[in-house]
C-alpha atoms as a PDB file:
ATOM      1  CA  MET A   1     115.015 127.480 116.856  1.00  0.00           C
ATOM      2  CA  SER A   2     113.658 128.570 113.495  1.00  0.00           C
ATOM      3  CA  TYR A   3     110.107 127.992 112.359  1.00  0.00           C
ATOM      4  CA  LYS A   4     111.604 126.607 109.123  1.00  0.00           C
ATOM      5  CA  HIS A   5     113.716 123.852 110.672  1.00  0.00           C
ATOM      6  CA  PHE A   6     113.964 121.552 113.637  1.00  0.00           C
ATOM      7  CA  SER A   7     115.536 118.178 114.280  1.00  0.00           C
ATOM      8  CA  ASN A   8     113.648 115.781 116.509  1.00  0.00           C
ATOM      9  CA  ILE A   9     116.683 113.931 117.793  1.00  0.00           C
ATOM     10  CA  LYS A  10     114.565 112.179 120.452  1.00  0.00           C
ATOM     11  CA  CYS A  11     112.509 110.398 117.785  1.00  0.00           C
ATOM     12  CA  GLU A  12     113.162 106.662 117.774  1.00  0.00           C
ATOM     13  CA  TYR A  13     113.566 106.790 113.977  1.00  0.00           C
ATOM     14  CA  TYR A  14     115.934 109.782 113.842  1.00  0.00           C
ATOM     15  CA  PRO A  15     117.601 110.091 111.459  1.00  0.00           C
ATOM     16  CA  CYS A  16     115.210 108.344 109.088  1.00  0.00           C
ATOM     17  CA  HIS A  17     117.322 109.741 106.249  1.00  0.00           C
ATOM     18  CA  LYS A  18     121.079 109.673 106.516  1.00  0.00           C
ATOM     19  CA  ILE A  19     121.657 113.411 106.187  1.00  0.00           C
ATOM     20  CA  GLU A  20     123.344 115.735 108.635  1.00  0.00           C
ATOM     21  CA  ASP A  21     121.046 118.010 110.667  1.00  0.00           C
ATOM     22  CA  GLN A  22     117.907 116.448 109.200  1.00  0.00           C
ATOM     23  CA  ASN A  23     114.834 118.706 109.146  1.00  0.00           C
ATOM     24  CA  CYS A  24     111.873 116.971 110.773  1.00  0.00           C
ATOM     25  CA  LEU A  25     109.366 119.780 110.186  1.00  0.00           C
ATOM     26  CA  PHE A  26     107.777 117.836 107.327  1.00  0.00           C
ATOM     27  CA  CYS A  27     108.130 114.360 108.788  1.00  0.00           C
ATOM     28  CA  TYR A  28     105.302 113.273 106.517  1.00  0.00           C
ATOM     29  CA  CYS A  29     105.661 115.116 103.236  1.00  0.00           C
ATOM     30  CA  PRO A  30     102.650 117.299 102.377  1.00  0.00           C
ATOM     31  CA  LEU A  31     103.466 116.764  98.689  1.00  0.00           C
ATOM     32  CA  TYR A  32     102.895 113.003  98.800  1.00  0.00           C
ATOM     33  CA  PHE A  33      99.590 113.185  96.926  1.00  0.00           C
ATOM     34  CA  PHE A  34     101.030 115.320  94.126  1.00  0.00           C
ATOM     35  CA  LYS A  35     102.218 113.346  91.106  1.00  0.00           C
ATOM     36  CA  ASP A  36     104.528 116.229  90.172  1.00  0.00           C
ATOM     37  CA  CYS A  37     105.841 116.766  93.707  1.00  0.00           C
ATOM     38  CA  GLY A  38     109.336 117.757  92.576  1.00  0.00           C
ATOM     39  CA  GLY A  39     110.985 115.155  94.768  1.00  0.00           C
ATOM     40  CA  ASP A  40     112.692 111.892  93.914  1.00  0.00           C
ATOM     41  CA  PRO A  41     110.037 109.216  94.415  1.00  0.00           C
ATOM     42  CA  SER A  42     110.023 105.763  92.950  1.00  0.00           C
ATOM     43  CA  TYR A  43     106.967 103.617  92.382  1.00  0.00           C
ATOM     44  CA  ILE A  44     106.133 100.100  93.450  1.00  0.00           C
ATOM     45  CA  GLY A  45     103.225  99.429  91.119  1.00  0.00           C
ATOM     46  CA  GLN A  46     100.771 102.251  91.890  1.00  0.00           C
ATOM     47  CA  ILE A  47     102.323 102.996  95.309  1.00  0.00           C
ATOM     48  CA  LYS A  48     104.534 106.073  95.592  1.00  0.00           C
ATOM     49  CA  ASP A  49     107.709 105.269  97.543  1.00  0.00           C
ATOM     50  CA  CYS A  50     109.405 108.371  98.955  1.00  0.00           C
ATOM     51  CA  SER A  51     111.774 106.575 101.317  1.00  0.00           C
ATOM     52  CA  LYS A  52     114.897 107.649  99.399  1.00  0.00           C
ATOM     53  CA  CYS A  53     113.778 111.257  98.851  1.00  0.00           C
ATOM     54  CA  VAL A  54     115.225 113.927 101.149  1.00  0.00           C
ATOM     55  CA  ARG A  55     113.564 117.010  99.600  1.00  0.00           C
ATOM     56  CA  ASN A  56     111.350 117.454 102.683  1.00  0.00           C
ATOM     57  CA  HIS A  57     114.214 116.860 105.146  1.00  0.00           C
ATOM     58  CA  ASP A  58     117.190 118.862 103.859  1.00  0.00           C
ATOM     59  CA  GLU A  59     118.239 122.445 104.633  1.00  0.00           C
ATOM     60  CA  GLU A  60     116.118 123.853 101.776  1.00  0.00           C
ATOM     61  CA  SER A  61     112.997 121.824 102.571  1.00  0.00           C
ATOM     62  CA  TYR A  62     110.781 124.611 103.951  1.00  0.00           C
ATOM     63  CA  ASP A  63     111.236 126.868 100.917  1.00  0.00           C
ATOM     64  CA  PHE A  64     110.902 123.909  98.545  1.00  0.00           C
ATOM     65  CA  ILE A  65     107.634 122.706 100.124  1.00  0.00           C
ATOM     66  CA  MET A  66     106.111 126.201 100.290  1.00  0.00           C
ATOM     67  CA  LYS A  67     107.011 126.899  96.646  1.00  0.00           C
ATOM     68  CA  ARG A  68     105.294 123.676  95.578  1.00  0.00           C
ATOM     69  CA  LEU A  69     102.194 124.166  97.766  1.00  0.00           C
ATOM     70  CA  LYS A  70     101.403 127.783  96.836  1.00  0.00           C
ATOM     71  CA  PRO A  71     100.141 127.002  93.298  1.00  0.00           C
ATOM     72  CA  ALA A  72      98.000 124.161  94.651  1.00  0.00           C
ATOM     73  CA  PHE A  73      96.427 126.435  97.250  1.00  0.00           C
ATOM     74  CA  LYS A  74      95.738 129.079  94.609  1.00  0.00           C
ATOM     75  CA  ARG A  75      93.707 126.523  92.656  1.00  0.00           C
ATOM     76  CA  ILE A  76      91.381 126.105  95.607  1.00  0.00           C
ATOM     77  CA  GLY A  77      88.887 128.908  95.119  1.00  0.00           C
ATOM     78  CA  LYS A  78      86.960 130.689  97.845  1.00  0.00           C
ATOM     79  CA  ASP A  79      83.686 129.440  96.421  1.00  0.00           C
ATOM     80  CA  LEU A  80      84.685 125.798  96.312  1.00  0.00           C
ATOM     81  CA  GLU A  81      83.247 123.443  98.855  1.00  0.00           C
ATOM     82  CA  MET A  82      85.533 121.771 101.358  1.00  0.00           C
ATOM     83  CA  LEU A  83      86.328 118.205 100.351  1.00  0.00           C
ATOM     84  CA  THR A  84      84.897 115.370 102.393  1.00  0.00           C
ATOM     85  CA  LEU A  85      87.062 112.296 102.778  1.00  0.00           C
ATOM     86  CA  CYS A  86      84.224 110.155 104.061  1.00  0.00           C
ATOM     87  CA  PRO A  87      80.594 111.127 103.331  1.00  0.00           C
ATOM     88  CA  ASP A  88      79.461 109.355 106.505  1.00  0.00           C
ATOM     89  CA  GLU A  89      81.751 110.783 109.188  1.00  0.00           C
ATOM     90  CA  ASN A  90      80.294 108.373 111.751  1.00  0.00           C
ATOM     91  CA  LYS A  91      82.110 105.526 109.964  1.00  0.00           C
ATOM     92  CA  LEU A  92      85.577 106.994 110.649  1.00  0.00           C
END
């Protein structure tokens, strides 16, 4: 098994995309919150719909995702504060 690819054939939704040897490493795409993700999303109003995109599930998905994430990580400086999703963590 490679660290770049695995198929979770025991998942009740496998294959969620109709491609051979689907990569499940990025089941939920880490690029979802990027407007310029490089995938093939469509939009339903303001909602990003990635259900027909296979960029995070095909044989090139690991390299594709890493190439897209590296510039985003570089923008996060060492001196920047960590983001807080909810100021009052007790409300989560």
